[in-house]
Structure formats: structure tokens, C-alpha cells
């Protein structure tokens, strides 16, 4: 079975939907021909010259961090990024990026980090804000007209749920009304209370077709003043979003947990540093792969004893420690996201099997390469 680049893109877009990417981000295919046949995929956090050298000719490099993001107005070969793009294109290699869409996907970057630390994920730390784009319509209609009214609102776009159409729920009852002078009732007469066998049926419809559904309802309904309700539906909690909250197999002191983090992630000159009482018992942990100081307040409210992330700055960390008892565990940015590479490899291997060679680059692309471990622990 031959695998085209477009086939791989389809699988990656399903696992890490582009719609989850932040508005400022740049994700997807950077260079490459979707119609070309692929033999291999190499996965890395960063697209660096050394990583590109590992990618076989005509292969794909799947990178987490975008090569081209802000302020890019040239890919001239005389620039570092342009030179890399030219090297890729000359050898038929492709580059694809899954960045903040992989951060928010479920499973995504933070799920991979949680798994590496031995956590069982229970919740999303900061779920994506979902929009209520569905209405529920509750419509009351004489029983003999119910089928026609349902057909009309279905034709207007109501009653679609996933791969199913014409979806509704009905119950029978008695409708009552009293026509006054000036009314033109389809049933009954002025001044007399009328009771009619009616069906109440419910359908869902996209909010964008609200006007169309209402027009169809009024056109098909026999009453001068149809009775109906429209409810904007609140979406269920999303399993997509930034960060995760998980639990350890058994509680352990912060000191031991910091050692757990150090042993679970690849070694870097940045190392692992923590802020908190070493004897604090840790059982529930928040994690966020990549830079996570924007979620410090969220982590403080998450009912956790520790928060693991990267790139914590002095002042936000200091302010957090003054205001919260949640311990901070800070690791190298690259190390916090490296576990995602294995996750992405698993996605591709499970779909393509042996038809596609998939490997994770073991090159350390963390920019820091020297460190001094002479500092000691302070309580």
C-alpha cells in the first residue's frame, strides 16, 4: 500500500484538528506536495538543521514547533529559516507542523506529559471555551399536521445529529386556547375555549438556520399563532484544552515527586527545579507541556498540590508562591513536549502499520547546552 502525504495529513488533522490552534499560530503543511508518495515520517519537537539531516529523502518531518511563524516575509536561502526550507524542497522532503492544536487536542501534548510522569488524567486544566451553536426547538402542532410541520423544519436544516437526519422526539397532549375578537383561528371560534389533541415535538438545529426554521414552521403550521420555544443549547464540557489534571498511583512527598519528574523526562542542562515545601504530600497534579505560566492561577484553583510546566518566569512564580500553596515544578520547554513525539508516532503507526516508516528523532533540540549543578536545595 502506497501512502501519500495527503493521507498522512488527513490522519494528523483528525488527531490534532487545525481548528484547535490559537489564532496567532501557524500549523499544517509548510512545504511538500500532498500528492507525493511517502516512505517515512520523522517526528521532533523542533525543525533544526541537525534534525532535517536525519529525515530521509522524500520523507516527512513532523515538528511540534513552527519553523515559520511571526514576521516571516522571506525564505531566501541566505536566511537560516529560508536555507532550511530550500534544503527540504531540494531533496523532496516535506515539513508539517502540529503546534497549539496538538497542545489542546485530546489526547495531546499535556496528556503525553502526564503519562510520562505516571499520572492518570482526570480533567482538562483549562478547557476550550465552547460556543453554543445549536438551538433546541419545541413545537406544538395539531396531531394531524405534525408530520407536515416536521418535514418542513427538517427541510430547513433542523433534525441533523452527526450522521443522522430527521431526528426528533414527540409526545402527545392537549393544547388549549381562547380566540379573542380580531383573531382568525384555524380551529374553534371567537369567545370559546378550544381544546385540541396536539403533538409536542423537539428538534435541534444550528443557530445559523434559526430564521429559516422559523419561516418553515410558520408556513407549514395551520395556526395563526403557532406555539413554540427556542432554547440556545449549552455545549457539554470539552475534553480539549490546555493542560491536564491527573492523580499519582499513590501520594508521595514533593521531594520524591520532583525526582520522579527528573527521571521521567529527558535530561537537559535546565534540569528540574521546584518551589514548595519538600515534605508536602503530592497526590493530584496539574501539568502543561510548554510555557505554562499563563495557567498559574488556574492551577491554583484546580485542587492540586503541584503544577508541572516549563519556562516559569521569576516574578509570576514568586507571586504565585506568595498567594498559593500549590508547589511549582519547572522543567525545560523541550523536555516537557518531547513525550508528545511518541504519542504522535503511535497515532501514525496505528493507522498505517508497516506501510509507513515512523521514527522519533532522539536529537536534543533544547537550546540550552551547558549548566551548573552546584546549587543546593533550600527549604
Protein backbone atom coordinates (compact mmCIF):
# COMPACT_ATOMS: atom_id res chain seq x y z
CA UNK A 1 0.00 0.00 0.00
CA UNK A 2 1.41 3.38 -1.03
CA UNK A 3 0.92 6.27 1.39
CA UNK A 4 0.61 9.79 0.07
CA UNK A 5 1.48 12.88 2.04
CA UNK A 6 -2.21 13.87 1.89
CA UNK A 7 -3.13 10.58 3.61
CA UNK A 8 -0.79 11.40 6.50
CA UNK A 9 -2.14 14.95 6.69
CA UNK A 10 -5.69 13.61 6.98
CA UNK A 11 -4.70 11.41 9.92
CA UNK A 12 -2.79 14.22 11.66
CA UNK A 13 -5.64 16.69 11.15
CA UNK A 14 -8.05 14.23 12.71
CA UNK A 15 -5.78 13.67 15.71
CA UNK A 16 -4.79 17.33 16.07
CA UNK A 17 -7.62 19.36 14.47
CA UNK A 18 -6.36 22.65 12.99
CA UNK A 19 -9.44 24.42 14.42
CA UNK A 20 -7.94 23.95 17.90
CA UNK A 21 -4.91 26.09 17.03
CA UNK A 22 -4.59 29.55 18.54
CA UNK A 23 -5.39 32.42 16.17
CA UNK A 24 -1.76 33.59 16.14
CA UNK A 25 -0.37 30.16 15.37
CA UNK A 26 0.75 28.64 12.07
CA UNK A 27 0.06 24.93 11.72
CA UNK A 28 -0.20 22.45 8.89
CA UNK A 29 1.87 21.81 5.79
CA UNK A 30 4.87 24.14 5.45
CA UNK A 31 6.40 22.61 2.33
CA UNK A 32 5.75 19.48 0.32
CA UNK A 33 3.41 18.12 -2.33
CA UNK A 34 0.31 16.43 -0.87
CA UNK A 35 0.16 14.10 -3.89
CA UNK A 36 3.67 12.73 -3.38
CA UNK A 37 4.14 9.21 -2.00
CA UNK A 38 5.83 8.97 1.41
CA UNK A 39 8.03 6.22 2.79
CA UNK A 40 8.85 7.72 6.17
CA UNK A 41 7.92 10.22 8.86
CA UNK A 42 10.39 11.63 11.36
CA UNK A 43 8.95 13.33 14.44
CA UNK A 44 10.66 16.03 16.51
CA UNK A 45 9.83 19.00 18.69
CA UNK A 46 11.86 21.40 16.51
CA UNK A 47 12.82 21.62 12.85
CA UNK A 48 16.56 22.26 13.13
CA UNK A 49 19.30 21.61 10.55
CA UNK A 50 20.52 18.57 12.51
CA UNK A 51 17.00 17.12 12.68
CA UNK A 52 16.42 17.75 8.96
CA UNK A 53 19.64 15.84 8.24
CA UNK A 54 18.03 12.79 9.89
CA UNK A 55 14.99 12.88 7.60
CA UNK A 56 15.37 10.51 4.63
CA UNK A 57 14.97 11.99 1.17
CA UNK A 58 11.31 12.20 0.15
CA UNK A 59 10.38 11.83 3.84
CA UNK A 60 8.20 13.99 6.07
CA UNK A 61 9.35 15.86 9.14
CA UNK A 62 6.52 16.30 11.64
CA UNK A 63 7.54 19.08 14.02
CA UNK A 64 5.74 20.49 17.01
CA UNK A 65 7.18 24.00 16.85
CA UNK A 66 6.52 26.06 13.71
CA UNK A 67 9.55 26.91 11.60
CA UNK A 68 7.74 29.89 10.07
CA UNK A 69 5.60 31.88 12.46
CA UNK A 70 5.81 35.60 13.19
CA UNK A 71 7.19 38.27 10.89
CA UNK A 72 8.31 35.93 8.13
CA UNK A 73 8.47 37.78 4.81
CA UNK A 74 11.24 35.85 3.06
CA UNK A 75 12.51 32.31 2.67
CA UNK A 76 15.66 33.36 0.87
CA UNK A 77 18.39 30.76 1.11
CA UNK A 78 20.61 33.42 2.66
CA UNK A 79 18.48 33.36 5.85
CA UNK A 80 18.62 30.49 8.38
CA UNK A 81 14.97 29.53 8.02
CA UNK A 82 14.99 30.03 4.26
CA UNK A 83 18.07 27.86 3.91
CA UNK A 84 16.31 25.07 5.78
CA UNK A 85 13.22 25.33 3.57
CA UNK A 86 15.40 25.18 0.46
CA UNK A 87 17.20 22.09 1.78
CA UNK A 88 13.90 20.38 2.39
CA UNK A 89 12.47 21.18 -1.03
CA UNK A 90 15.63 20.28 -2.98
CA UNK A 91 15.58 16.76 -1.55
CA UNK A 92 11.84 16.24 -1.81
CA UNK A 93 11.39 16.35 1.94
CA UNK A 94 8.24 17.80 3.49
CA UNK A 95 7.57 19.68 6.70
CA UNK A 96 4.33 19.62 8.68
CA UNK A 97 3.62 21.39 11.98
CA UNK A 98 1.18 20.49 14.77
CA UNK A 99 1.60 23.12 17.49
CA UNK A 100 -1.14 24.65 19.64
CA UNK A 101 -3.66 22.33 18.01
CA UNK A 102 -1.61 19.45 19.45
CA UNK A 103 -1.46 21.32 22.78
CA UNK A 104 -5.26 21.41 23.02
CA UNK A 105 -6.13 18.09 21.37
CA UNK A 106 -7.33 15.11 23.38
CA UNK A 107 -5.03 13.31 23.68
CA UNK A 108 -2.37 15.93 23.13
CA UNK A 109 0.89 17.31 24.44
CA UNK A 110 -0.15 17.54 28.08
CA UNK A 111 -1.65 14.04 28.02
CA UNK A 112 1.70 12.73 26.85
CA UNK A 113 3.49 14.64 29.63
CA UNK A 114 1.04 13.31 32.23
CA UNK A 115 1.53 9.75 31.01
CA UNK A 116 5.31 10.12 31.18
CA UNK A 117 5.00 11.21 34.82
CA UNK A 118 2.78 8.25 35.70
CA UNK A 119 -0.38 10.33 36.15
CA UNK A 120 -3.90 9.19 35.42
CA UNK A 121 -5.62 12.13 33.73
CA UNK A 122 -8.93 13.15 35.27
CA UNK A 123 -9.68 16.56 33.74
CA UNK A 124 -8.61 19.35 31.40
CA UNK A 125 -6.89 22.17 33.26
CA UNK A 126 -8.30 24.92 31.03
CA UNK A 127 -10.99 23.54 28.70
CA UNK A 128 -11.54 25.31 25.41
CA UNK A 129 -14.42 27.73 25.57
CA UNK A 130 -17.18 26.07 23.60
CA UNK A 131 -19.77 28.12 21.75
CA UNK A 132 -23.48 27.37 21.86
CA UNK A 133 -24.15 26.97 18.14
CA UNK A 134 -27.20 24.72 18.44
CA UNK A 135 -30.82 25.52 19.21
CA UNK A 136 -33.43 23.16 20.59
CA UNK A 137 -36.87 23.81 19.11
CA UNK A 138 -40.01 22.72 20.98
CA UNK A 139 -43.02 22.93 18.66
CA UNK A 140 -46.70 22.31 19.40
CA UNK A 141 -48.95 21.33 16.48
CA UNK A 142 -52.30 19.58 15.92
CA UNK A 143 -51.68 15.88 15.61
CA UNK A 144 -52.92 15.62 12.03
CA UNK A 145 -50.48 18.36 10.95
CA UNK A 146 -47.43 17.19 12.90
CA UNK A 147 -45.86 15.19 10.07
CA UNK A 148 -46.07 18.10 7.61
CA UNK A 149 -44.60 20.59 10.08
CA UNK A 150 -41.78 18.21 10.96
CA UNK A 151 -40.97 17.72 7.28
CA UNK A 152 -40.85 21.47 6.76
CA UNK A 153 -38.40 22.16 9.60
CA UNK A 154 -36.28 19.18 8.55
CA UNK A 155 -36.02 20.66 5.04
CA UNK A 156 -34.96 23.96 6.63
CA UNK A 157 -31.97 22.33 8.34
CA UNK A 158 -33.33 21.02 11.65
CA UNK A 159 -33.04 17.48 12.98
CA UNK A 160 -29.44 16.75 11.98
CA UNK A 161 -27.33 14.97 14.64
CA UNK A 162 -23.99 13.66 13.44
CA UNK A 163 -24.57 11.19 10.59
CA UNK A 164 -28.33 11.08 11.24
CA UNK A 165 -31.09 13.29 9.86
CA UNK A 166 -34.81 13.72 10.57
CA UNK A 167 -34.14 13.36 14.30
CA UNK A 168 -36.96 14.37 16.65
CA UNK A 169 -38.74 13.42 19.84
CA UNK A 170 -42.53 13.64 20.25
CA UNK A 171 -45.20 13.33 22.92
CA UNK A 172 -48.96 13.82 22.75
CA UNK A 173 -51.06 16.14 24.85
CA UNK A 174 -53.94 18.62 24.91
CA UNK A 175 -53.49 22.17 23.66
CA UNK A 176 -55.85 24.91 24.88
CA UNK A 177 -56.58 28.46 23.67
CA UNK A 178 -59.32 31.10 23.71
CA UNK A 179 -59.63 33.16 20.48
CA UNK A 180 -60.49 36.85 21.02
CA UNK A 181 -62.05 39.42 18.71
CA UNK A 182 -59.65 40.06 15.81
CA UNK A 183 -58.28 36.52 15.78
CA UNK A 184 -58.72 34.22 12.81
CA UNK A 185 -58.49 30.76 14.36
CA UNK A 186 -57.90 27.73 12.15
CA UNK A 187 -59.70 25.67 14.79
CA UNK A 188 -62.54 26.81 17.05
CA UNK A 189 -64.41 30.11 17.20
CA UNK A 190 -64.19 33.55 18.81
CA UNK A 191 -65.07 33.57 22.51
CA UNK A 192 -64.98 29.84 23.06
CA UNK A 193 -62.20 27.88 24.80
CA UNK A 194 -60.88 25.27 22.44
CA UNK A 195 -59.02 22.08 23.39
CA UNK A 196 -57.14 20.24 20.65
CA UNK A 197 -55.22 16.96 20.50
CA UNK A 198 -51.68 18.12 19.77
CA UNK A 199 -48.19 16.74 19.44
CA UNK A 200 -45.22 18.38 21.06
CA UNK A 201 -42.06 17.58 19.16
CA UNK A 202 -38.47 18.62 19.73
CA UNK A 203 -35.64 19.03 17.22
CA UNK A 204 -32.18 20.54 17.25
CA UNK A 205 -30.90 22.91 14.59
CA UNK A 206 -27.81 25.06 14.01
CA UNK A 207 -28.34 28.57 15.32
CA UNK A 208 -27.34 29.93 11.90
CA UNK A 209 -30.54 28.49 10.35
CA UNK A 210 -32.83 29.90 13.03
CA UNK A 211 -34.57 32.28 10.59
CA UNK A 212 -35.05 29.52 8.01
CA UNK A 213 -36.55 27.12 10.53
CA UNK A 214 -38.92 29.76 11.84
CA UNK A 215 -40.09 30.64 8.33
CA UNK A 216 -40.67 26.97 7.50
CA UNK A 217 -42.53 26.42 10.77
CA UNK A 218 -44.87 29.34 10.21
CA UNK A 219 -45.51 28.38 6.58
CA UNK A 220 -46.41 24.76 7.39
CA UNK A 221 -48.25 25.27 10.68
CA UNK A 222 -52.04 25.57 10.44
CA UNK A 223 -52.36 28.03 13.33
CA UNK A 224 -52.36 31.79 13.01
CA UNK A 225 -50.12 31.95 16.13
CA UNK A 226 -48.10 28.73 16.42
CA UNK A 227 -46.80 27.85 19.88
CA UNK A 228 -43.07 27.08 20.01
CA UNK A 229 -39.98 27.61 22.16
CA UNK A 230 -36.35 28.13 21.12
CA UNK A 231 -33.60 27.23 23.59
CA UNK A 232 -29.93 28.04 22.94
CA UNK A 233 -28.17 24.83 23.96
CA UNK A 234 -25.24 24.92 26.36
CA UNK A 235 -22.47 22.70 24.96
CA UNK A 236 -21.18 19.85 27.13
CA UNK A 237 -17.76 20.24 28.75
CA UNK A 238 -14.98 19.78 26.24
CA UNK A 239 -12.16 17.27 26.63
CA UNK A 240 -9.98 19.59 24.56
CA UNK A 241 -7.98 22.44 26.02
CA UNK A 242 -4.69 23.38 27.62
CA UNK A 243 -3.12 21.36 30.41
CA UNK A 244 -4.36 18.32 32.28
CA UNK A 245 -5.10 17.38 35.88
CA UNK A 246 -4.12 13.89 36.99
CA UNK A 247 -3.51 11.73 40.03
CA UNK A 248 -0.47 9.74 41.09
CA UNK A 249 -0.72 5.99 41.76
CA UNK A 250 -0.02 6.82 45.42
CA UNK A 251 0.77 10.02 47.32
CA UNK A 252 4.42 11.00 47.72
CA UNK A 253 6.39 13.94 49.15
CA UNK A 254 7.18 16.81 46.82
CA UNK A 255 10.86 15.92 47.10
CA UNK A 256 10.15 12.44 45.70
CA UNK A 257 7.81 13.82 43.06
CA UNK A 258 10.50 16.17 41.77
CA UNK A 259 12.82 13.18 41.45
CA UNK A 260 10.04 11.35 39.57
CA UNK A 261 9.83 14.22 37.09
CA UNK A 262 13.58 14.28 36.63
CA UNK A 263 13.70 10.54 35.96
CA UNK A 264 10.73 10.56 33.58
CA UNK A 265 11.84 13.34 31.22
CA UNK A 266 14.96 13.51 29.06
CA UNK A 267 17.90 15.18 30.78
CA UNK A 268 18.67 18.80 29.94
CA UNK A 269 21.04 21.43 31.27
CA UNK A 270 17.93 23.23 32.53
CA UNK A 271 17.15 20.29 34.75
CA UNK A 272 14.18 20.25 37.11
CA UNK A 273 13.62 22.93 39.72
CA UNK A 274 10.81 23.28 42.20
CA UNK A 275 9.25 25.82 44.55
CA UNK A 276 7.45 24.48 47.62
CA UNK A 277 7.78 22.61 50.88
CA UNK A 278 9.80 19.45 50.12
CA UNK A 279 7.65 17.48 52.57
CA UNK A 280 4.32 18.50 51.02
CA UNK A 281 2.39 15.35 50.13
CA UNK A 282 1.53 15.30 46.42
CA UNK A 283 -1.30 13.18 45.08
CA UNK A 284 -3.03 15.36 42.49
CA UNK A 285 -1.03 17.25 39.88
CA UNK A 286 -1.66 19.78 37.11
CA UNK A 287 0.57 19.67 34.05
CA UNK A 288 1.00 21.84 30.98
CA UNK A 289 3.51 20.99 28.27
CA UNK A 290 5.42 24.04 27.07
CA UNK A 291 5.31 27.52 28.57
CA UNK A 292 2.61 27.43 31.25
CA UNK A 293 2.85 30.47 33.50
CA UNK A 294 -0.37 31.84 31.96
CA UNK A 295 -2.16 29.00 33.78
CA UNK A 296 -0.69 29.61 37.23
CA UNK A 297 -3.95 31.00 38.62
CA UNK A 298 -5.93 28.19 37.00
CA UNK A 299 -3.63 25.60 38.56
CA UNK A 300 -4.08 27.26 41.96
CA UNK A 301 -7.83 26.67 41.72
CA UNK A 302 -7.60 23.12 40.39
CA UNK A 303 -7.37 21.32 43.72
CA UNK A 304 -3.83 20.08 43.10
CA UNK A 305 -0.71 20.03 45.24
CA UNK A 306 1.78 20.60 42.38
CA UNK A 307 1.91 22.12 38.93
CA UNK A 308 4.43 20.89 36.34
CA UNK A 309 5.21 23.10 33.36
CA UNK A 310 8.06 24.93 31.61
CA UNK A 311 9.51 28.41 31.19
CA UNK A 312 8.30 29.78 34.52
CA UNK A 313 9.48 33.36 34.96
CA UNK A 314 10.78 34.81 38.21
CA UNK A 315 8.04 37.31 39.03
CA UNK A 316 4.98 35.19 38.14
CA UNK A 317 6.48 32.26 40.09
CA UNK A 318 7.28 34.49 43.07
CA UNK A 319 3.78 35.98 43.13
CA UNK A 320 2.25 32.52 42.84
CA UNK A 321 4.30 31.18 45.75
CA UNK A 322 3.17 34.09 47.95
CA UNK A 323 -0.50 33.53 47.14
CA UNK A 324 -0.83 29.75 46.69
CA UNK A 325 0.22 26.54 48.40
CA UNK A 326 0.46 24.72 45.08
CA UNK A 327 4.09 23.71 44.51
CA UNK A 328 5.72 24.58 41.20
CA UNK A 329 7.88 22.18 39.21
CA UNK A 330 9.66 23.85 36.31
CA UNK A 331 11.31 21.82 33.52
CA UNK A 332 12.89 22.61 30.16
CA UNK A 333 10.41 23.58 27.45
CA UNK A 334 11.74 20.95 25.05
CA UNK A 335 11.70 18.22 27.69
CA UNK A 336 8.07 18.92 28.60
CA UNK A 337 6.96 18.47 24.99
CA UNK A 338 9.24 15.63 23.91
CA UNK A 339 6.84 12.89 25.14
CA UNK A 340 4.35 14.10 22.53
CA UNK A 341 6.64 12.78 19.79
CA UNK A 342 5.99 9.19 20.87
CA UNK A 343 2.28 9.91 21.08
CA UNK A 344 2.21 11.27 17.51
CA UNK A 345 4.26 8.28 16.35
CA UNK A 346 1.67 5.98 17.90
CA UNK A 347 -1.11 7.76 16.02
CA UNK A 348 0.62 7.20 12.67
CA UNK A 349 1.74 3.63 13.40
CA UNK A 350 -1.75 2.55 14.48
CA UNK A 351 -3.21 3.89 11.23
CA UNK A 352 -0.58 2.95 8.64
CA UNK A 353 1.13 -0.04 10.24
CA UNK A 354 4.21 -1.18 8.33
CA UNK A 355 3.25 0.77 5.19
CA UNK A 356 4.98 3.83 6.62
CA UNK A 357 8.25 4.05 8.48
CA UNK A 358 7.78 6.21 11.59
CA UNK A 359 10.59 7.22 13.93
CA UNK A 360 11.13 9.77 16.68
CA UNK A 361 14.29 11.85 16.49
CA UNK A 362 16.34 11.47 19.65
CA UNK A 363 18.33 14.63 19.00
CA UNK A 364 18.08 17.10 21.86
CA UNK A 365 16.92 20.37 20.32
CA UNK A 366 16.74 22.18 23.63
CA UNK A 367 18.73 25.41 23.01
CA UNK A 368 20.49 25.27 26.41
CA UNK A 369 23.56 23.04 26.37
CA UNK A 370 25.54 23.99 29.49
CA UNK A 371 24.54 24.01 33.14
CA UNK A 372 25.96 24.26 36.65
CA UNK A 373 24.50 21.83 39.16
CA UNK A 374 26.48 23.23 42.09
CA UNK A 375 23.42 24.94 43.61
CA UNK A 376 21.83 23.20 46.56
CA UNK A 377 18.27 22.61 47.79
CA UNK A 378 16.71 25.17 50.09
CA UNK A 379 13.63 24.72 52.16
